[in-house]
Amino acid sequence: MKQYTPRRASKKRWLQSAPDYVLDVFKHKEGGFEFLFTGERMLTSRETPRTYANTYIQGWYERESWFSLSAHEGAQYRYRMGKKRVRWLDVPERLRITVIQKVELD
């Protein structure tokens, strides 16, 4: 079976200088940022290969809440949120540092 890895947002436009595990970044109208992770932050079942059907995307909302989406839910969510996508460098530096620390320490 072919392994599945979600496609990251464009590194040149959206994720310039972002760590490799950042999949996407969105900003909500309330002002909070939301981050989706891939790679090491991806949840999969250990007994089965990483395919579309058993892949989960891990996310973190700025207000300290973690969530996970299955691959198809993640694809739908990213499509719906496309107009709220922001550049990694537009996220305040203190929050970028916090995200990196959270992911690398968890």
Protein backbone atom coordinates (compact mmCIF):
# COMPACT_ATOMS: atom_id res chain seq x y z
CA MET A 1 0.00 0.00 0.00
CA LYS A 2 1.11 3.51 -0.73
CA GLN A 3 1.90 5.67 2.30
CA TYR A 4 -0.10 8.88 2.65
CA THR A 5 1.36 12.24 3.61
CA PRO A 6 -0.79 15.38 3.44
CA ARG A 7 0.51 18.06 1.12
CA ARG A 8 1.78 21.12 2.97
CA ALA A 9 0.71 24.64 2.09
CA SER A 10 3.16 26.32 -0.29
CA LYS A 11 6.49 26.75 1.47
CA LYS A 12 7.42 29.65 -0.78
CA ARG A 13 4.27 31.66 -0.07
CA TRP A 14 2.77 30.48 3.22
CA LEU A 15 5.33 28.48 5.18
CA GLN A 16 8.58 30.29 4.52
CA SER A 17 11.01 29.50 7.39
CA ALA A 18 8.41 27.30 9.13
CA PRO A 19 9.50 23.97 10.64
CA ASP A 20 8.87 20.94 8.42
CA TYR A 21 6.10 19.61 10.67
CA VAL A 22 3.86 22.70 10.16
CA LEU A 23 1.18 21.74 7.63
CA ASP A 24 -0.95 24.91 7.64
CA VAL A 25 -1.74 28.07 9.67
CA PHE A 26 -5.13 29.81 9.89
CA LYS A 27 -6.36 32.95 11.64
CA HIS A 28 -9.87 33.18 13.03
CA LYS A 29 -11.86 36.41 13.10
CA GLU A 30 -11.72 36.35 16.92
CA GLY A 31 -7.98 36.82 16.52
CA GLY A 32 -6.76 33.35 17.47
CA PHE A 33 -4.39 31.32 15.33
CA GLU A 34 -4.74 27.64 14.52
CA PHE A 35 -1.88 25.34 13.49
CA LEU A 36 -2.00 21.98 11.74
CA PHE A 37 0.94 19.61 11.99
CA THR A 38 2.19 16.68 9.94
CA GLY A 39 5.22 14.42 10.00
CA GLU A 40 6.14 13.61 13.61
CA ARG A 41 2.89 15.17 14.82
CA MET A 42 0.80 12.85 12.66
CA LEU A 43 -1.12 10.19 14.55
CA THR A 44 -1.30 6.74 12.99
CA SER A 45 -2.09 3.29 14.19
CA ARG A 46 1.09 1.32 14.90
CA GLU A 47 -0.33 -1.95 13.55
CA THR A 48 -1.23 -0.62 10.11
CA PRO A 49 0.72 1.27 7.44
CA ARG A 50 0.24 5.02 7.13
CA THR A 51 -2.48 5.17 4.49
CA TYR A 52 -5.20 7.72 3.80
CA ALA A 53 -7.74 5.69 5.77
CA ASN A 54 -5.75 5.54 9.03
CA THR A 55 -3.92 8.88 9.05
CA TYR A 56 -4.77 11.66 11.48
CA ILE A 57 -3.63 15.27 11.44
CA GLN A 58 -2.81 16.87 14.78
CA GLY A 59 -3.77 20.49 15.38
CA TRP A 60 -3.37 23.10 18.08
CA TYR A 61 -5.51 26.18 18.68
CA GLU A 62 -3.80 29.15 20.27
CA ARG A 63 -6.03 28.95 23.32
CA GLU A 64 -4.35 25.72 24.50
CA SER A 65 -6.60 23.12 22.91
CA TRP A 66 -5.32 20.14 20.90
CA PHE A 67 -7.49 18.38 18.33
CA SER A 68 -7.09 15.73 15.66
CA LEU A 69 -8.74 15.23 12.29
CA SER A 70 -8.82 12.17 10.09
CA ALA A 71 -7.19 12.62 6.69
CA HIS A 72 -10.45 13.26 4.85
CA GLU A 73 -11.72 15.63 7.56
CA GLY A 74 -8.38 17.47 7.43
CA ALA A 75 -8.59 17.86 3.66
CA GLN A 76 -12.16 19.19 3.88
CA TYR A 77 -11.28 21.52 6.76
CA ARG A 78 -8.25 22.96 4.96
CA TYR A 79 -10.36 23.57 1.85
CA ARG A 80 -13.08 25.39 3.82
CA MET A 81 -10.52 27.44 5.77
CA GLY A 82 -8.47 28.38 2.69
CA LYS A 83 -9.46 32.06 2.83
CA LYS A 84 -8.32 32.27 6.46
CA ARG A 85 -4.83 30.91 5.73
CA VAL A 86 -2.00 33.18 6.91
CA ARG A 87 1.75 33.22 6.40
CA TRP A 88 3.90 31.65 9.11
CA LEU A 89 5.90 34.89 9.30
CA ASP A 90 2.68 36.88 9.93
CA VAL A 91 2.14 34.99 13.19
CA PRO A 92 3.60 36.98 16.12
CA GLU A 93 7.11 35.81 16.98
CA ARG A 94 6.22 34.93 20.59
CA LEU A 95 3.50 32.59 19.32
CA ARG A 96 5.79 30.98 16.72
CA ILE A 97 8.29 30.24 19.51
CA THR A 98 5.50 28.83 21.69
CA VAL A 99 4.31 26.54 18.88
CA ILE A 100 7.81 25.21 18.25
CA GLN A 101 8.32 24.57 21.97
CA LYS A 102 4.94 22.84 22.35
CA VAL A 103 5.52 20.50 19.43
CA GLU A 104 9.11 19.65 20.23
CA LEU A 105 8.50 19.12 23.96
CA ASP A 106 5.35 16.99 23.60
